[in-house]
PDB file of all heavy atoms in Angstrom:
ATOM      1  N   ARG A   1     -18.719   8.488  47.959  1.00  0.00           N
ATOM      2  CA  ARG A   1     -18.728   9.274  49.184  1.00  0.00           C
ATOM      3  C   ARG A   1     -20.007  10.095  49.245  1.00  0.00           C
ATOM      4  O   ARG A   1     -20.731  10.204  48.247  1.00  0.00           O
ATOM      5  CB  ARG A   1     -17.522  10.213  49.231  1.00  0.00           C
ATOM      6  CG  ARG A   1     -17.500  11.229  48.103  1.00  0.00           C
ATOM      7  CD  ARG A   1     -16.173  11.944  47.983  1.00  0.00           C
ATOM      8  NE  ARG A   1     -16.155  12.875  46.859  1.00  0.00           N
ATOM      9  CZ  ARG A   1     -16.342  14.178  46.964  1.00  0.00           C
ATOM     10  NH1 ARG A   1     -16.560  14.717  48.168  1.00  0.00           N
ATOM     11  NH2 ARG A   1     -16.310  14.969  45.909  1.00  0.00           N
ATOM     12  N   VAL A   2     -20.261  10.673  50.401  1.00  0.00           N
ATOM     13  CA  VAL A   2     -21.429  11.530  50.603  1.00  0.00           C
ATOM     14  C   VAL A   2     -20.985  12.983  50.556  1.00  0.00           C
ATOM     15  O   VAL A   2     -20.031  13.373  51.236  1.00  0.00           O
ATOM     16  CB  VAL A   2     -22.113  11.219  51.956  1.00  0.00           C
ATOM     17  CG1 VAL A   2     -23.225  12.224  52.250  1.00  0.00           C
ATOM     18  CG2 VAL A   2     -22.675   9.801  51.947  1.00  0.00           C
ATOM     19  N   LEU A   3     -21.647  13.788  49.751  1.00  0.00           N
ATOM     20  CA  LEU A   3     -21.350  15.210  49.672  1.00  0.00           C
ATOM     21  C   LEU A   3     -22.012  15.944  50.843  1.00  0.00           C
ATOM     22  O   LEU A   3     -22.945  15.423  51.460  1.00  0.00           O
ATOM     23  CB  LEU A   3     -21.866  15.773  48.342  1.00  0.00           C
ATOM     24  CG  LEU A   3     -21.299  15.115  47.068  1.00  0.00           C
ATOM     25  CD1 LEU A   3     -21.956  15.727  45.835  1.00  0.00           C
ATOM     26  CD2 LEU A   3     -19.789  15.263  47.006  1.00  0.00           C
ATOM     27  N   PRO A   4     -21.553  17.138  51.174  1.00  0.00           N
ATOM     28  CA  PRO A   4     -22.154  17.884  52.287  1.00  0.00           C
ATOM     29  C   PRO A   4     -23.656  18.089  52.097  1.00  0.00           C
ATOM     30  O   PRO A   4     -24.112  18.396  50.988  1.00  0.00           O
ATOM     31  CB  PRO A   4     -21.403  19.226  52.250  1.00  0.00           C
ATOM     32  CG  PRO A   4     -20.098  18.909  51.596  1.00  0.00           C
ATOM     33  CD  PRO A   4     -20.400  17.850  50.582  1.00  0.00           C
ATOM     34  N   PHE A   5     -24.415  17.917  53.160  1.00  0.00           N
ATOM     35  CA  PHE A   5     -25.866  18.069  53.100  1.00  0.00           C
ATOM     36  C   PHE A   5     -26.251  19.548  53.144  1.00  0.00           C
ATOM     37  O   PHE A   5     -25.698  20.322  53.925  1.00  0.00           O
ATOM     38  CB  PHE A   5     -26.539  17.337  54.257  1.00  0.00           C
ATOM     39  CG  PHE A   5     -26.704  15.854  54.037  1.00  0.00           C
ATOM     40  CD1 PHE A   5     -26.117  15.209  52.963  1.00  0.00           C
ATOM     41  CD2 PHE A   5     -27.453  15.101  54.930  1.00  0.00           C
ATOM     42  CE1 PHE A   5     -26.263  13.844  52.760  1.00  0.00           C
ATOM     43  CE2 PHE A   5     -27.617  13.732  54.747  1.00  0.00           C
ATOM     44  CZ  PHE A   5     -27.026  13.106  53.664  1.00  0.00           C
ATOM     45  N   LYS A   6     -27.211  19.893  52.295  1.00  0.00           N
ATOM     46  CA  LYS A   6     -27.803  21.230  52.347  1.00  0.00           C
ATOM     47  C   LYS A   6     -28.846  21.231  53.471  1.00  0.00           C
ATOM     48  O   LYS A   6     -29.609  20.280  53.624  1.00  0.00           O
ATOM     49  CB  LYS A   6     -28.479  21.574  51.024  1.00  0.00           C
ATOM     50  CG  LYS A   6     -27.634  21.333  49.787  1.00  0.00           C
ATOM     51  CD  LYS A   6     -26.443  22.263  49.719  1.00  0.00           C
ATOM     52  CE  LYS A   6     -25.692  22.078  48.395  1.00  0.00           C
ATOM     53  NZ  LYS A   6     -24.475  22.893  48.320  1.00  0.00           N
ATOM     54  N   THR A   7     -28.891  22.311  54.232  1.00  0.00           N
ATOM     55  CA  THR A   7     -29.754  22.307  55.424  1.00  0.00           C
ATOM     56  C   THR A   7     -31.106  22.970  55.229  1.00  0.00           C
ATOM     57  O   THR A   7     -32.022  22.756  56.022  1.00  0.00           O
ATOM     58  CB  THR A   7     -29.036  23.020  56.587  1.00  0.00           C
ATOM     59  OG1 THR A   7     -28.855  24.403  56.255  1.00  0.00           O
ATOM     60  CG2 THR A   7     -27.683  22.390  56.853  1.00  0.00           C
ATOM     61  N   ALA A   8     -31.267  23.775  54.165  1.00  0.00           N
ATOM     62  CA  ALA A   8     -32.459  24.630  54.054  1.00  0.00           C
ATOM     63  C   ALA A   8     -33.767  23.845  54.119  1.00  0.00           C
ATOM     64  O   ALA A   8     -34.681  24.216  54.867  1.00  0.00           O
ATOM     65  CB  ALA A   8     -32.393  25.443  52.767  1.00  0.00           C
ATOM     66  N   LEU A   9     -33.873  22.746  53.356  1.00  0.00           N
ATOM     67  CA  LEU A   9     -35.149  22.050  53.270  1.00  0.00           C
ATOM     68  C   LEU A   9     -35.436  21.159  54.471  1.00  0.00           C
ATOM     69  O   LEU A   9     -36.508  20.559  54.548  1.00  0.00           O
ATOM     70  CB  LEU A   9     -35.234  21.261  51.960  1.00  0.00           C
ATOM     71  CG  LEU A   9     -35.339  22.128  50.705  1.00  0.00           C
ATOM     72  CD1 LEU A   9     -35.442  21.277  49.454  1.00  0.00           C
ATOM     73  CD2 LEU A   9     -36.524  23.083  50.781  1.00  0.00           C
ATOM     74  N   PHE A  10     -34.500  21.070  55.414  1.00  0.00           N
ATOM     75  CA  PHE A  10     -34.821  20.408  56.674  1.00  0.00           C
ATOM     76  C   PHE A  10     -35.871  21.220  57.435  1.00  0.00           C
ATOM     77  O   PHE A  10     -36.504  20.728  58.357  1.00  0.00           O
ATOM     78  CB  PHE A  10     -33.569  20.221  57.529  1.00  0.00           C
ATOM     79  CG  PHE A  10     -32.738  19.042  57.130  1.00  0.00           C
ATOM     80  CD1 PHE A  10     -31.849  19.126  56.064  1.00  0.00           C
ATOM     81  CD2 PHE A  10     -32.844  17.841  57.805  1.00  0.00           C
ATOM     82  CE1 PHE A  10     -31.081  18.041  55.685  1.00  0.00           C
ATOM     83  CE2 PHE A  10     -32.078  16.743  57.438  1.00  0.00           C
ATOM     84  CZ  PHE A  10     -31.194  16.842  56.365  1.00  0.00           C
ATOM     85  N   GLY A  11     -36.047  22.470  57.009  1.00  0.00           N
ATOM     86  CA  GLY A  11     -37.100  23.296  57.585  1.00  0.00           C
ATOM     87  C   GLY A  11     -38.484  22.721  57.321  1.00  0.00           C
ATOM     88  O   GLY A  11     -39.458  23.119  57.977  1.00  0.00           O
ATOM     89  N   ALA A  12     -38.592  21.789  56.382  1.00  0.00           N
ATOM     90  CA  ALA A  12     -39.878  21.134  56.119  1.00  0.00           C
ATOM     91  C   ALA A  12     -40.370  20.391  57.355  1.00  0.00           C
ATOM     92  O   ALA A  12     -41.578  20.298  57.597  1.00  0.00           O
ATOM     93  CB  ALA A  12     -39.746  20.159  54.950  1.00  0.00           C
ATOM     94  N   ALA A  13     -39.441  19.847  58.134  1.00  0.00           N
ATOM     95  CA  ALA A  13     -39.835  19.155  59.366  1.00  0.00           C
ATOM     96  C   ALA A  13     -40.466  20.143  60.335  1.00  0.00           C
ATOM     97  O   ALA A  13     -41.474  19.847  60.997  1.00  0.00           O
ATOM     98  CB  ALA A  13     -38.620  18.482  59.998  1.00  0.00           C
ATOM     99  N   GLN A  14     -39.885  21.352  60.415  1.00  0.00           N
ATOM    100  CA  GLN A  14     -40.457  22.382  61.282  1.00  0.00           C
ATOM    101  C   GLN A  14     -41.836  22.800  60.788  1.00  0.00           C
ATOM    102  O   GLN A  14     -42.780  22.972  61.570  1.00  0.00           O
ATOM    103  CB  GLN A  14     -39.529  23.598  61.312  1.00  0.00           C
ATOM    104  CG  GLN A  14     -38.189  23.327  61.985  1.00  0.00           C
ATOM    105  CD  GLN A  14     -37.208  24.471  61.826  1.00  0.00           C
ATOM    106  OE1 GLN A  14     -37.102  25.067  60.757  1.00  0.00           O
ATOM    107  NE2 GLN A  14     -36.480  24.785  62.893  1.00  0.00           N
ATOM    108  N   ALA A  15     -41.974  22.931  59.462  1.00  0.00           N
ATOM    109  CA  ALA A  15     -43.259  23.322  58.888  1.00  0.00           C
ATOM    110  C   ALA A  15     -44.322  22.260  59.159  1.00  0.00           C
ATOM    111  O   ALA A  15     -45.486  22.578  59.426  1.00  0.00           O
ATOM    112  CB  ALA A  15     -43.112  23.539  57.387  1.00  0.00           C
ATOM    113  N   SER A  16     -43.920  20.997  59.104  1.00  0.00           N
ATOM    114  CA  SER A  16     -44.872  19.918  59.354  1.00  0.00           C
ATOM    115  C   SER A  16     -45.355  19.924  60.802  1.00  0.00           C
ATOM    116  O   SER A  16     -46.518  19.644  61.089  1.00  0.00           O
ATOM    117  CB  SER A  16     -44.236  18.561  59.022  1.00  0.00           C
ATOM    118  OG  SER A  16     -45.155  17.511  59.252  1.00  0.00           O
ATOM    119  N   LEU A  17     -44.459  20.247  61.714  1.00  0.00           N
ATOM    120  CA  LEU A  17     -44.851  20.337  63.127  1.00  0.00           C
ATOM    121  C   LEU A  17     -45.965  21.367  63.302  1.00  0.00           C
ATOM    122  O   LEU A  17     -46.951  21.140  64.011  1.00  0.00           O
ATOM    123  CB  LEU A  17     -43.653  20.734  63.989  1.00  0.00           C
ATOM    124  CG  LEU A  17     -42.613  19.665  64.299  1.00  0.00           C
ATOM    125  CD1 LEU A  17     -41.457  20.282  65.083  1.00  0.00           C
ATOM    126  CD2 LEU A  17     -43.218  18.512  65.077  1.00  0.00           C
ATOM    127  N   LYS A  18     -45.813  22.503  62.653  1.00  0.00           N
ATOM    128  CA  LYS A  18     -46.803  23.568  62.783  1.00  0.00           C
ATOM    129  C   LYS A  18     -48.134  23.169  62.160  1.00  0.00           C
ATOM    130  O   LYS A  18     -49.205  23.439  62.705  1.00  0.00           O
ATOM    131  CB  LYS A  18     -46.282  24.844  62.108  1.00  0.00           C
ATOM    132  CG  LYS A  18     -45.032  25.416  62.749  1.00  0.00           C
ATOM    133  CD  LYS A  18     -44.508  26.600  61.945  1.00  0.00           C
ATOM    134  CE  LYS A  18     -43.200  27.124  62.513  1.00  0.00           C
ATOM    135  NZ  LYS A  18     -42.637  28.225  61.686  1.00  0.00           N
ATOM    136  N   ARG A  19     -48.061  22.510  61.005  1.00  0.00           N
ATOM    137  CA  ARG A  19     -49.282  22.185  60.279  1.00  0.00           C
ATOM    138  C   ARG A  19     -50.049  21.017  60.888  1.00  0.00           C
ATOM    139  O   ARG A  19     -51.274  21.002  60.922  1.00  0.00           O
ATOM    140  CB  ARG A  19     -48.961  21.855  58.813  1.00  0.00           C
ATOM    141  CG  ARG A  19     -48.554  23.065  57.999  1.00  0.00           C
ATOM    142  CD  ARG A  19     -48.262  22.682  56.566  1.00  0.00           C
ATOM    143  NE  ARG A  19     -48.032  23.851  55.744  1.00  0.00           N
ATOM    144  CZ  ARG A  19     -48.975  24.565  55.160  1.00  0.00           C
ATOM    145  NH1 ARG A  19     -50.249  24.204  55.329  1.00  0.00           N
ATOM    146  NH2 ARG A  19     -48.693  25.614  54.430  1.00  0.00           N
ATOM    147  N   SER A  20     -49.336  20.004  61.348  1.00  0.00           N
ATOM    148  CA  SER A  20     -49.982  18.776  61.801  1.00  0.00           C
ATOM    149  C   SER A  20     -50.372  18.805  63.265  1.00  0.00           C
ATOM    150  O   SER A  20     -51.229  18.039  63.709  1.00  0.00           O
ATOM    151  CB  SER A  20     -49.059  17.575  61.559  1.00  0.00           C
ATOM    152  OG  SER A  20     -47.897  17.671  62.362  1.00  0.00           O
ATOM    153  N   GLY A  21     -49.728  19.680  64.030  1.00  0.00           N
ATOM    154  CA  GLY A  21     -50.007  19.701  65.460  1.00  0.00           C
ATOM    155  C   GLY A  21     -49.408  18.527  66.208  1.00  0.00           C
ATOM    156  O   GLY A  21     -49.694  18.323  67.390  1.00  0.00           O
ATOM    157  N   THR A  22     -48.545  17.755  65.545  1.00  0.00           N
ATOM    158  CA  THR A  22     -47.893  16.627  66.205  1.00  0.00           C
ATOM    159  C   THR A  22     -46.698  17.124  67.016  1.00  0.00           C
ATOM    160  O   THR A  22     -46.177  18.211  66.783  1.00  0.00           O
ATOM    161  CB  THR A  22     -47.400  15.597  65.177  1.00  0.00           C
ATOM    162  OG1 THR A  22     -46.545  16.252  64.237  1.00  0.00           O
ATOM    163  CG2 THR A  22     -48.577  14.973  64.432  1.00  0.00           C
ATOM    164  N   GLU A  23     -46.274  16.308  67.962  1.00  0.00           N
ATOM    165  CA  GLU A  23     -45.156  16.684  68.826  1.00  0.00           C
ATOM    166  C   GLU A  23     -43.818  16.552  68.129  1.00  0.00           C
ATOM    167  O   GLU A  23     -42.870  17.256  68.466  1.00  0.00           O
ATOM    168  CB  GLU A  23     -45.164  15.821  70.090  1.00  0.00           C
ATOM    169  CG  GLU A  23     -46.350  16.090  71.009  1.00  0.00           C
ATOM    170  CD  GLU A  23     -46.247  15.291  72.298  1.00  0.00           C
ATOM    171  OE1 GLU A  23     -45.256  14.531  72.438  1.00  0.00           O
ATOM    172  OE2 GLU A  23     -47.134  15.424  73.142  1.00  0.00           O
ATOM    173  N   ALA A  24     -43.729  15.632  67.158  1.00  0.00           N
ATOM    174  CA  ALA A  24     -42.434  15.390  66.521  1.00  0.00           C
ATOM    175  C   ALA A  24     -42.613  14.823  65.120  1.00  0.00           C
ATOM    176  O   ALA A  24     -43.625  14.195  64.801  1.00  0.00           O
ATOM    177  CB  ALA A  24     -41.590  14.433  67.357  1.00  0.00           C
ATOM    178  N   VAL A  25     -41.621  15.079  64.298  1.00  0.00           N
ATOM    179  CA  VAL A  25     -41.509  14.490  62.972  1.00  0.00           C
ATOM    180  C   VAL A  25     -40.340  13.509  63.014  1.00  0.00           C
ATOM    181  O   VAL A  25     -39.325  13.773  63.667  1.00  0.00           O
ATOM    182  CB  VAL A  25     -41.245  15.574  61.899  1.00  0.00           C
ATOM    183  CG1 VAL A  25     -40.993  14.936  60.537  1.00  0.00           C
ATOM    184  CG2 VAL A  25     -42.406  16.544  61.827  1.00  0.00           C
ATOM    185  N   LEU A  26     -40.473  12.384  62.344  1.00  0.00           N
ATOM    186  CA  LEU A  26     -39.374  11.428  62.251  1.00  0.00           C
ATOM    187  C   LEU A  26     -38.533  11.756  61.024  1.00  0.00           C
ATOM    188  O   LEU A  26     -39.059  11.858  59.914  1.00  0.00           O
ATOM    189  CB  LEU A  26     -39.907  10.000  62.156  1.00  0.00           C
ATOM    190  CG  LEU A  26     -40.700   9.494  63.367  1.00  0.00           C
ATOM    191  CD1 LEU A  26     -41.193   8.075  63.116  1.00  0.00           C
ATOM    192  CD2 LEU A  26     -39.855   9.557  64.629  1.00  0.00           C
ATOM    193  N   VAL A  27     -37.236  11.950  61.242  1.00  0.00           N
ATOM    194  CA  VAL A  27     -36.294  12.185  60.152  1.00  0.00           C
ATOM    195  C   VAL A  27     -35.366  10.978  60.125  1.00  0.00           C
ATOM    196  O   VAL A  27     -34.616  10.728  61.075  1.00  0.00           O
ATOM    197  CB  VAL A  27     -35.493  13.484  60.379  1.00  0.00           C
ATOM    198  CG1 VAL A  27     -34.491  13.688  59.242  1.00  0.00           C
ATOM    199  CG2 VAL A  27     -36.440  14.681  60.483  1.00  0.00           C
ATOM    200  N   GLN A  28     -35.429  10.205  59.027  1.00  0.00           N
ATOM    201  CA  GLN A  28     -34.689   8.933  58.990  1.00  0.00           C
ATOM    202  C   GLN A  28     -33.583   8.963  57.935  1.00  0.00           C
ATOM    203  O   GLN A  28     -33.856   9.118  56.745  1.00  0.00           O
ATOM    204  CB  GLN A  28     -35.633   7.765  58.707  1.00  0.00           C
ATOM    205  CG  GLN A  28     -34.947   6.404  58.797  1.00  0.00           C
ATOM    206  CD  GLN A  28     -35.928   5.246  58.786  1.00  0.00           C
ATOM    207  OE1 GLN A  28     -37.036   5.365  58.281  1.00  0.00           O
ATOM    208  NE2 GLN A  28     -35.527   4.127  59.357  1.00  0.00           N
TER     209      GLN A  28
END
């Protein structure tokens, strides 16, 4: 089974948006 996902490090996608200047990050 899959255990509950921790959400804190999903903030890396937000950080990448700021650093790269791209419109979106792909989370797969």
